[in-house]
Amino acid sequence: SWTKNSVSPTRGLMDGDLRQSAAAGDGDNGRTSAAMPRALGQIDNTYIVAVSQQGIYLVDQHAAHERVIYEQLGGPAKSNMQALLDPVPIMLPAASSEWVADHLEELAALGLDLDPFGATTWLVRSVPSTGRPIDPSVYVCTVVEEACDPPTGRRVVTEQLRWSAACHAAVKAGEQLAIGEMQSLLGSLEECDLGLTCPHGRPTMVLLTKEMLDRQFGRL
């Protein structure tokens, strides 16, 4: 089970096995087995509330999804790629276009397949497969801009791209999720090796144990 003080990898820490998706529950209603933490809803469309015998989990949906995508992007490129039916043209500043030309291999490894289509125009042929819709034009421009001018501490190009690609593809704070989507995200997080934090080091969740609740209500 996940514990509030755990610093070990997430895999296997939850009650039972969360490696099932929401579809492995009971249809679209998001119900799961008794041993599995069950998503109840969201707080301000930002934090997922889930309950298990351990207590109540509050999960930061953006941080959790970012961790899931980040680890998925570390796998084989073809499994991370969602081909577009029609290539999307994008125009980049000259410096960014030059940067893209020098890092096509690194971009392709993350599922971003770009072809030159003029001096500073590129055709986006694929984006990372994240299970959620991505605006190819906005996404690629944002990822490239951040990779060209990364925040302090991001020194390795492949890691810069992977962090940025995961962050901008993840579900955002303020987005409403269906119960099934919440449950599926919890299941994907269980598969992560380091699911207790996002790639930036922020926690993905907190656990309010029954003991903590009992103390708050004066039962201990």
C-alpha atoms as a PDB file:
ATOM      1  CA  SER A   1       0.000   0.000   0.000  1.00  0.00           C
ATOM      2  CA  TRP A   2       1.023   3.609  -0.499  1.00  0.00           C
ATOM      3  CA  THR A   3       2.118   5.107   2.793  1.00  0.00           C
ATOM      4  CA  LYS A   4       2.426   8.751   3.692  1.00  0.00           C
ATOM      5  CA  ASN A   5       6.125   8.451   4.519  1.00  0.00           C
ATOM      6  CA  SER A   6       7.142   6.159   1.687  1.00  0.00           C
ATOM      7  CA  VAL A   7      10.024   7.223  -0.546  1.00  0.00           C
ATOM      8  CA  SER A   8      10.193   3.979  -2.502  1.00  0.00           C
ATOM      9  CA  PRO A   9       8.792   3.465  -6.000  1.00  0.00           C
ATOM     10  CA  THR A  10       5.029   3.479  -6.361  1.00  0.00           C
ATOM     11  CA  ARG A  11       4.654   0.123  -8.080  1.00  0.00           C
ATOM     12  CA  GLY A  12       2.964  -2.352  -5.770  1.00  0.00           C
ATOM     13  CA  LEU A  13       2.416   0.167  -2.976  1.00  0.00           C
ATOM     14  CA  MET A  14      -1.305   0.570  -3.421  1.00  0.00           C
ATOM     15  CA  ASP A  15      -3.897  -1.674  -1.834  1.00  0.00           C
ATOM     16  CA  GLY A  16      -4.379  -4.478  -4.319  1.00  0.00           C
ATOM     17  CA  ASP A  17      -3.406  -4.111  -7.948  1.00  0.00           C
ATOM     18  CA  LEU A  18      -4.128  -0.776  -9.638  1.00  0.00           C
ATOM     19  CA  ARG A  19      -2.664  -1.890 -12.934  1.00  0.00           C
ATOM     20  CA  GLN A  20      -6.125  -2.253 -14.353  1.00  0.00           C
ATOM     21  CA  SER A  21      -7.628   0.590 -16.338  1.00  0.00           C
ATOM     22  CA  ALA A  22     -11.051   2.018 -15.655  1.00  0.00           C
ATOM     23  CA  ALA A  23     -12.406  -0.383 -18.266  1.00  0.00           C
ATOM     24  CA  ALA A  24     -11.416  -3.250 -16.018  1.00  0.00           C
ATOM     25  CA  GLY A  25     -13.797  -1.897 -13.418  1.00  0.00           C
ATOM     26  CA  ASP A  26     -17.551  -2.144 -13.831  1.00  0.00           C
ATOM     27  CA  GLY A  27     -18.273  -0.341 -17.091  1.00  0.00           C
ATOM     28  CA  ASP A  28     -18.207   3.446 -17.285  1.00  0.00           C
ATOM     29  CA  ASN A  29     -19.323   4.014 -13.724  1.00  0.00           C
ATOM     30  CA  GLY A  30     -15.757   3.799 -12.446  1.00  0.00           C
ATOM     31  CA  ARG A  31     -16.474   1.122  -9.836  1.00  0.00           C
ATOM     32  CA  THR A  32     -13.513  -1.006  -8.808  1.00  0.00           C
ATOM     33  CA  SER A  33     -12.809  -3.965  -6.569  1.00  0.00           C
ATOM     34  CA  ALA A  34     -13.016  -3.436  -2.833  1.00  0.00           C
ATOM     35  CA  ALA A  35      -9.212  -3.633  -2.459  1.00  0.00           C
ATOM     36  CA  MET A  36      -8.567  -0.898  -5.024  1.00  0.00           C
ATOM     37  CA  PRO A  37      -8.599   2.806  -4.106  1.00  0.00           C
ATOM     38  CA  ARG A  38     -11.780   4.164  -5.615  1.00  0.00           C
ATOM     39  CA  ALA A  39     -11.996   7.573  -7.253  1.00  0.00           C
ATOM     40  CA  LEU A  40     -14.864   9.609  -5.821  1.00  0.00           C
ATOM     41  CA  GLY A  41     -14.510  12.967  -7.554  1.00  0.00           C
ATOM     42  CA  GLN A  42     -12.436  16.120  -7.822  1.00  0.00           C
ATOM     43  CA  ILE A  43     -11.732  19.151  -5.671  1.00  0.00           C
ATOM     44  CA  ASP A  44     -11.868  22.265  -7.841  1.00  0.00           C
ATOM     45  CA  ASN A  45     -11.223  20.069 -10.895  1.00  0.00           C
ATOM     46  CA  THR A  46      -7.608  19.859  -9.724  1.00  0.00           C
ATOM     47  CA  TYR A  47      -7.271  17.169  -7.072  1.00  0.00           C
ATOM     48  CA  ILE A  48      -8.672  13.659  -7.399  1.00  0.00           C
ATOM     49  CA  VAL A  49     -10.249  12.292  -4.234  1.00  0.00           C
ATOM     50  CA  ALA A  50      -9.914   8.522  -3.854  1.00  0.00           C
ATOM     51  CA  VAL A  51     -10.671   6.248  -0.921  1.00  0.00           C
ATOM     52  CA  SER A  52      -9.334   2.896   0.248  1.00  0.00           C
ATOM     53  CA  GLN A  53      -8.956   1.008   3.510  1.00  0.00           C
ATOM     54  CA  GLN A  54      -5.775   3.043   4.076  1.00  0.00           C
ATOM     55  CA  GLY A  55      -7.702   6.318   4.127  1.00  0.00           C
ATOM     56  CA  ILE A  56      -8.276   9.147   1.676  1.00  0.00           C
ATOM     57  CA  TYR A  57      -5.894   9.918  -1.174  1.00  0.00           C
ATOM     58  CA  LEU A  58      -5.702  13.427  -2.641  1.00  0.00           C
ATOM     59  CA  VAL A  59      -4.002  13.209  -6.020  1.00  0.00           C
ATOM     60  CA  ASP A  60      -2.756  16.200  -8.023  1.00  0.00           C
ATOM     61  CA  GLN A  61      -4.119  15.257 -11.438  1.00  0.00           C
ATOM     62  CA  HIS A  62      -1.580  17.271 -13.434  1.00  0.00           C
ATOM     63  CA  ALA A  63       1.449  16.074 -11.460  1.00  0.00           C
ATOM     64  CA  ALA A  64       0.221  12.477 -11.605  1.00  0.00           C
ATOM     65  CA  HIS A  65      -0.466  12.521 -15.342  1.00  0.00           C
ATOM     66  CA  GLU A  66       2.829  14.272 -15.998  1.00  0.00           C
ATOM     67  CA  ARG A  67       4.674  11.461 -14.200  1.00  0.00           C
ATOM     68  CA  VAL A  68       2.750   8.827 -16.175  1.00  0.00           C
ATOM     69  CA  ILE A  69       3.544  10.439 -19.532  1.00  0.00           C
ATOM     70  CA  TYR A  70       7.172  11.100 -18.573  1.00  0.00           C
ATOM     71  CA  GLU A  71       7.776   7.425 -17.887  1.00  0.00           C
ATOM     72  CA  GLN A  72       5.865   6.360 -20.997  1.00  0.00           C
ATOM     73  CA  LEU A  73       8.079   8.628 -23.100  1.00  0.00           C
ATOM     74  CA  GLY A  74      11.077   6.693 -21.835  1.00  0.00           C
ATOM     75  CA  GLY A  75       9.876   3.602 -23.706  1.00  0.00           C
ATOM     76  CA  PRO A  76      10.160   2.620 -27.380  1.00  0.00           C
ATOM     77  CA  ALA A  77       9.422   5.558 -29.685  1.00  0.00           C
ATOM     78  CA  LYS A  78       6.861   3.717 -31.808  1.00  0.00           C
ATOM     79  CA  SER A  79       4.738   2.886 -28.778  1.00  0.00           C
ATOM     80  CA  ASN A  80       4.665   6.582 -27.830  1.00  0.00           C
ATOM     81  CA  MET A  81       3.643   7.842 -31.264  1.00  0.00           C
ATOM     82  CA  GLN A  82       0.214   8.932 -32.449  1.00  0.00           C
ATOM     83  CA  ALA A  83       0.305   9.480 -36.213  1.00  0.00           C
ATOM     84  CA  LEU A  84      -1.779  12.364 -37.562  1.00  0.00           C
ATOM     85  CA  LEU A  85      -4.135  11.677 -40.453  1.00  0.00           C
ATOM     86  CA  ASP A  86      -3.166  15.005 -42.012  1.00  0.00           C
ATOM     87  CA  PRO A  87       0.243  16.592 -41.298  1.00  0.00           C
ATOM     88  CA  VAL A  88      -0.055  19.936 -39.517  1.00  0.00           C
ATOM     89  CA  PRO A  89       2.178  22.786 -40.760  1.00  0.00           C
ATOM     90  CA  ILE A  90       3.807  25.029 -38.153  1.00  0.00           C
ATOM     91  CA  MET A  91       6.027  28.074 -38.509  1.00  0.00           C
ATOM     92  CA  LEU A  92       8.869  28.599 -36.077  1.00  0.00           C
ATOM     93  CA  PRO A  93      11.280  31.478 -35.466  1.00  0.00           C
ATOM     94  CA  ALA A  94      14.532  31.034 -37.343  1.00  0.00           C
ATOM     95  CA  ALA A  95      16.500  30.108 -34.221  1.00  0.00           C
ATOM     96  CA  SER A  96      13.887  27.543 -33.136  1.00  0.00           C
ATOM     97  CA  SER A  97      13.737  26.076 -36.616  1.00  0.00           C
ATOM     98  CA  GLU A  98      17.492  25.640 -36.610  1.00  0.00           C
ATOM     99  CA  TRP A  99      17.284  23.975 -33.210  1.00  0.00           C
ATOM    100  CA  VAL A 100      14.638  21.540 -34.487  1.00  0.00           C
ATOM    101  CA  ALA A 101      16.800  20.651 -37.486  1.00  0.00           C
ATOM    102  CA  ASP A 102      19.640  19.780 -35.110  1.00  0.00           C
ATOM    103  CA  HIS A 103      17.450  17.651 -32.794  1.00  0.00           C
ATOM    104  CA  LEU A 104      15.120  15.703 -35.080  1.00  0.00           C
ATOM    105  CA  GLU A 105      16.324  12.397 -33.661  1.00  0.00           C
ATOM    106  CA  GLU A 106      15.627  13.411 -30.068  1.00  0.00           C
ATOM    107  CA  LEU A 107      12.187  14.723 -31.023  1.00  0.00           C
ATOM    108  CA  ALA A 108      11.343  11.513 -32.889  1.00  0.00           C
ATOM    109  CA  ALA A 109      12.306   9.459 -29.826  1.00  0.00           C
ATOM    110  CA  LEU A 110       9.466  11.203 -27.977  1.00  0.00           C
ATOM    111  CA  GLY A 111       6.933  10.601 -30.724  1.00  0.00           C
ATOM    112  CA  LEU A 112       7.327  13.968 -32.443  1.00  0.00           C
ATOM    113  CA  ASP A 113       7.889  13.333 -36.144  1.00  0.00           C
ATOM    114  CA  LEU A 114       8.641  16.577 -38.028  1.00  0.00           C
ATOM    115  CA  ASP A 115       9.576  17.113 -41.665  1.00  0.00           C
ATOM    116  CA  PRO A 116      10.986  20.345 -43.148  1.00  0.00           C
ATOM    117  CA  PHE A 117       8.540  22.207 -45.385  1.00  0.00           C
ATOM    118  CA  GLY A 118      10.357  25.408 -46.160  1.00  0.00           C
ATOM    119  CA  ALA A 119      12.873  27.687 -44.486  1.00  0.00           C
ATOM    120  CA  THR A 120      11.154  27.854 -41.106  1.00  0.00           C
ATOM    121  CA  THR A 121       8.051  25.737 -41.695  1.00  0.00           C
ATOM    122  CA  TRP A 122       7.691  22.152 -40.498  1.00  0.00           C
ATOM    123  CA  LEU A 123       5.088  19.444 -40.986  1.00  0.00           C
ATOM    124  CA  VAL A 124       4.064  17.692 -37.774  1.00  0.00           C
ATOM    125  CA  ARG A 125       3.319  14.072 -38.673  1.00  0.00           C
ATOM    126  CA  SER A 126       2.937  12.619 -35.189  1.00  0.00           C
ATOM    127  CA  VAL A 127       2.672  13.612 -31.530  1.00  0.00           C
ATOM    128  CA  PRO A 128       3.151  11.613 -28.312  1.00  0.00           C
ATOM    129  CA  SER A 129       0.326   9.196 -27.584  1.00  0.00           C
ATOM    130  CA  THR A 130      -1.092  10.307 -24.242  1.00  0.00           C
ATOM    131  CA  GLY A 131      -4.713   9.204 -24.405  1.00  0.00           C
ATOM    132  CA  ARG A 132      -5.872  12.803 -24.551  1.00  0.00           C
ATOM    133  CA  PRO A 133      -6.326  15.215 -27.469  1.00  0.00           C
ATOM    134  CA  ILE A 134      -3.322  17.400 -28.305  1.00  0.00           C
ATOM    135  CA  ASP A 135      -3.310  20.479 -30.518  1.00  0.00           C
ATOM    136  CA  PRO A 136      -0.222  19.622 -32.607  1.00  0.00           C
ATOM    137  CA  SER A 137       0.587  23.212 -33.551  1.00  0.00           C
ATOM    138  CA  VAL A 138       0.367  24.663 -30.037  1.00  0.00           C
ATOM    139  CA  TYR A 139       1.996  21.626 -28.474  1.00  0.00           C
ATOM    140  CA  VAL A 140       5.056  21.447 -30.712  1.00  0.00           C
ATOM    141  CA  CYS A 141       5.653  25.199 -30.635  1.00  0.00           C
ATOM    142  CA  THR A 142       5.461  25.235 -26.829  1.00  0.00           C
ATOM    143  CA  VAL A 143       7.721  22.220 -26.354  1.00  0.00           C
ATOM    144  CA  VAL A 144      10.323  23.542 -28.793  1.00  0.00           C
ATOM    145  CA  GLU A 145      10.271  27.024 -27.266  1.00  0.00           C
ATOM    146  CA  GLU A 146      10.831  25.636 -23.776  1.00  0.00           C
ATOM    147  CA  ALA A 147      13.510  23.213 -24.941  1.00  0.00           C
ATOM    148  CA  CYS A 148      15.395  26.047 -26.644  1.00  0.00           C
ATOM    149  CA  ASP A 149      15.319  28.131 -23.479  1.00  0.00           C
ATOM    150  CA  PRO A 150      14.967  25.622 -20.627  1.00  0.00           C
ATOM    151  CA  PRO A 151      14.522  26.463 -16.948  1.00  0.00           C
ATOM    152  CA  THR A 152      17.609  26.363 -14.748  1.00  0.00           C
ATOM    153  CA  GLY A 153      18.987  22.901 -14.147  1.00  0.00           C
ATOM    154  CA  ARG A 154      17.783  21.227 -17.331  1.00  0.00           C
ATOM    155  CA  ARG A 155      21.068  20.540 -19.036  1.00  0.00           C
ATOM    156  CA  VAL A 156      20.608  17.393 -21.118  1.00  0.00           C
ATOM    157  CA  VAL A 157      18.643  17.955 -24.323  1.00  0.00           C
ATOM    158  CA  THR A 158      16.810  14.630 -24.162  1.00  0.00           C
ATOM    159  CA  GLU A 159      15.717  15.279 -20.596  1.00  0.00           C
ATOM    160  CA  GLN A 160      14.678  18.853 -21.387  1.00  0.00           C
ATOM    161  CA  LEU A 161      12.467  17.571 -24.174  1.00  0.00           C
ATOM    162  CA  ARG A 162      11.044  14.729 -22.137  1.00  0.00           C
ATOM    163  CA  TRP A 163      10.143  16.989 -19.204  1.00  0.00           C
ATOM    164  CA  SER A 164       8.583  19.578 -21.456  1.00  0.00           C
ATOM    165  CA  ALA A 165       6.750  17.043 -23.625  1.00  0.00           C
ATOM    166  CA  ALA A 166       5.229  15.375 -20.568  1.00  0.00           C
ATOM    167  CA  CYS A 167       4.255  18.611 -18.866  1.00  0.00           C
ATOM    168  CA  HIS A 168       2.437  20.120 -21.816  1.00  0.00           C
ATOM    169  CA  ALA A 169       0.636  16.898 -22.751  1.00  0.00           C
ATOM    170  CA  ALA A 170      -0.669  16.197 -19.248  1.00  0.00           C
ATOM    171  CA  VAL A 171      -4.168  16.988 -18.057  1.00  0.00           C
ATOM    172  CA  LYS A 172      -4.223  20.478 -16.556  1.00  0.00           C
ATOM    173  CA  ALA A 173      -5.439  21.745 -13.218  1.00  0.00           C
ATOM    174  CA  GLY A 174      -8.990  22.943 -13.692  1.00  0.00           C
ATOM    175  CA  GLU A 175      -9.948  20.229 -16.201  1.00  0.00           C
ATOM    176  CA  GLN A 176     -13.001  18.184 -15.337  1.00  0.00           C
ATOM    177  CA  LEU A 177     -12.514  14.412 -15.487  1.00  0.00           C
ATOM    178  CA  ALA A 178     -15.022  11.595 -15.563  1.00  0.00           C
ATOM    179  CA  ILE A 179     -14.811   9.007 -12.784  1.00  0.00           C
ATOM    180  CA  GLY A 180     -13.498   6.456 -15.268  1.00  0.00           C
ATOM    181  CA  GLU A 181     -10.723   8.834 -16.350  1.00  0.00           C
ATOM    182  CA  MET A 182      -9.713   9.398 -12.733  1.00  0.00           C
ATOM    183  CA  GLN A 183      -9.631   5.682 -12.041  1.00  0.00           C
ATOM    184  CA  SER A 184      -7.607   5.035 -15.171  1.00  0.00           C
ATOM    185  CA  LEU A 185      -5.074   7.692 -14.145  1.00  0.00           C
ATOM    186  CA  LEU A 186      -4.691   6.069 -10.725  1.00  0.00           C
ATOM    187  CA  GLY A 187      -4.081   2.753 -12.449  1.00  0.00           C
ATOM    188  CA  SER A 188      -1.454   4.244 -14.747  1.00  0.00           C
ATOM    189  CA  LEU A 189       0.239   5.920 -11.801  1.00  0.00           C
ATOM    190  CA  GLU A 190       0.497   2.551 -10.062  1.00  0.00           C
ATOM    191  CA  GLU A 191       2.558   1.338 -13.038  1.00  0.00           C
ATOM    192  CA  CYS A 192       5.129   4.093 -12.597  1.00  0.00           C
ATOM    193  CA  ASP A 193       8.483   3.366 -11.002  1.00  0.00           C
ATOM    194  CA  LEU A 194       8.637   6.759  -9.254  1.00  0.00           C
ATOM    195  CA  GLY A 195       4.976   7.693  -9.074  1.00  0.00           C
ATOM    196  CA  LEU A 196       5.081   9.506  -5.750  1.00  0.00           C
ATOM    197  CA  THR A 197       6.516  12.632  -7.389  1.00  0.00           C
ATOM    198  CA  CYS A 198       6.207  14.375 -10.734  1.00  0.00           C
ATOM    199  CA  PRO A 199       9.354  14.802 -12.895  1.00  0.00           C
ATOM    200  CA  HIS A 200       9.931  18.201 -11.257  1.00  0.00           C
ATOM    201  CA  GLY A 201       9.944  16.647  -7.782  1.00  0.00           C
ATOM    202  CA  ARG A 202       6.511  17.796  -6.594  1.00  0.00           C
ATOM    203  CA  PRO A 203       4.390  15.177  -4.807  1.00  0.00           C
ATOM    204  CA  THR A 204       1.670  13.557  -6.859  1.00  0.00           C
ATOM    205  CA  MET A 205      -0.457  12.700  -3.831  1.00  0.00           C
ATOM    206  CA  VAL A 206      -0.999  12.914  -0.104  1.00  0.00           C
ATOM    207  CA  LEU A 207      -2.642  10.302   2.074  1.00  0.00           C
ATOM    208  CA  LEU A 208      -4.955  11.132   4.961  1.00  0.00           C
ATOM    209  CA  THR A 209      -4.883   7.913   6.965  1.00  0.00           C
ATOM    210  CA  LYS A 210      -7.715   6.735   9.186  1.00  0.00           C
ATOM    211  CA  GLU A 211      -5.470   7.402  12.184  1.00  0.00           C
ATOM    212  CA  MET A 212      -4.986  11.018  11.083  1.00  0.00           C
ATOM    213  CA  LEU A 213      -8.728  11.437  10.651  1.00  0.00           C
ATOM    214  CA  ASP A 214      -9.427   9.841  14.035  1.00  0.00           C
ATOM    215  CA  ARG A 215      -7.026  12.298  15.661  1.00  0.00           C
ATOM    216  CA  GLN A 216      -8.633  15.258  13.916  1.00  0.00           C
ATOM    217  CA  PHE A 217     -12.052  14.193  15.173  1.00  0.00           C
ATOM    218  CA  GLY A 218     -10.846  13.498  18.708  1.00  0.00           C
ATOM    219  CA  ARG A 219     -11.261   9.718  18.525  1.00  0.00           C
ATOM    220  CA  LEU A 220      -7.690   9.054  19.648  1.00  0.00           C
END
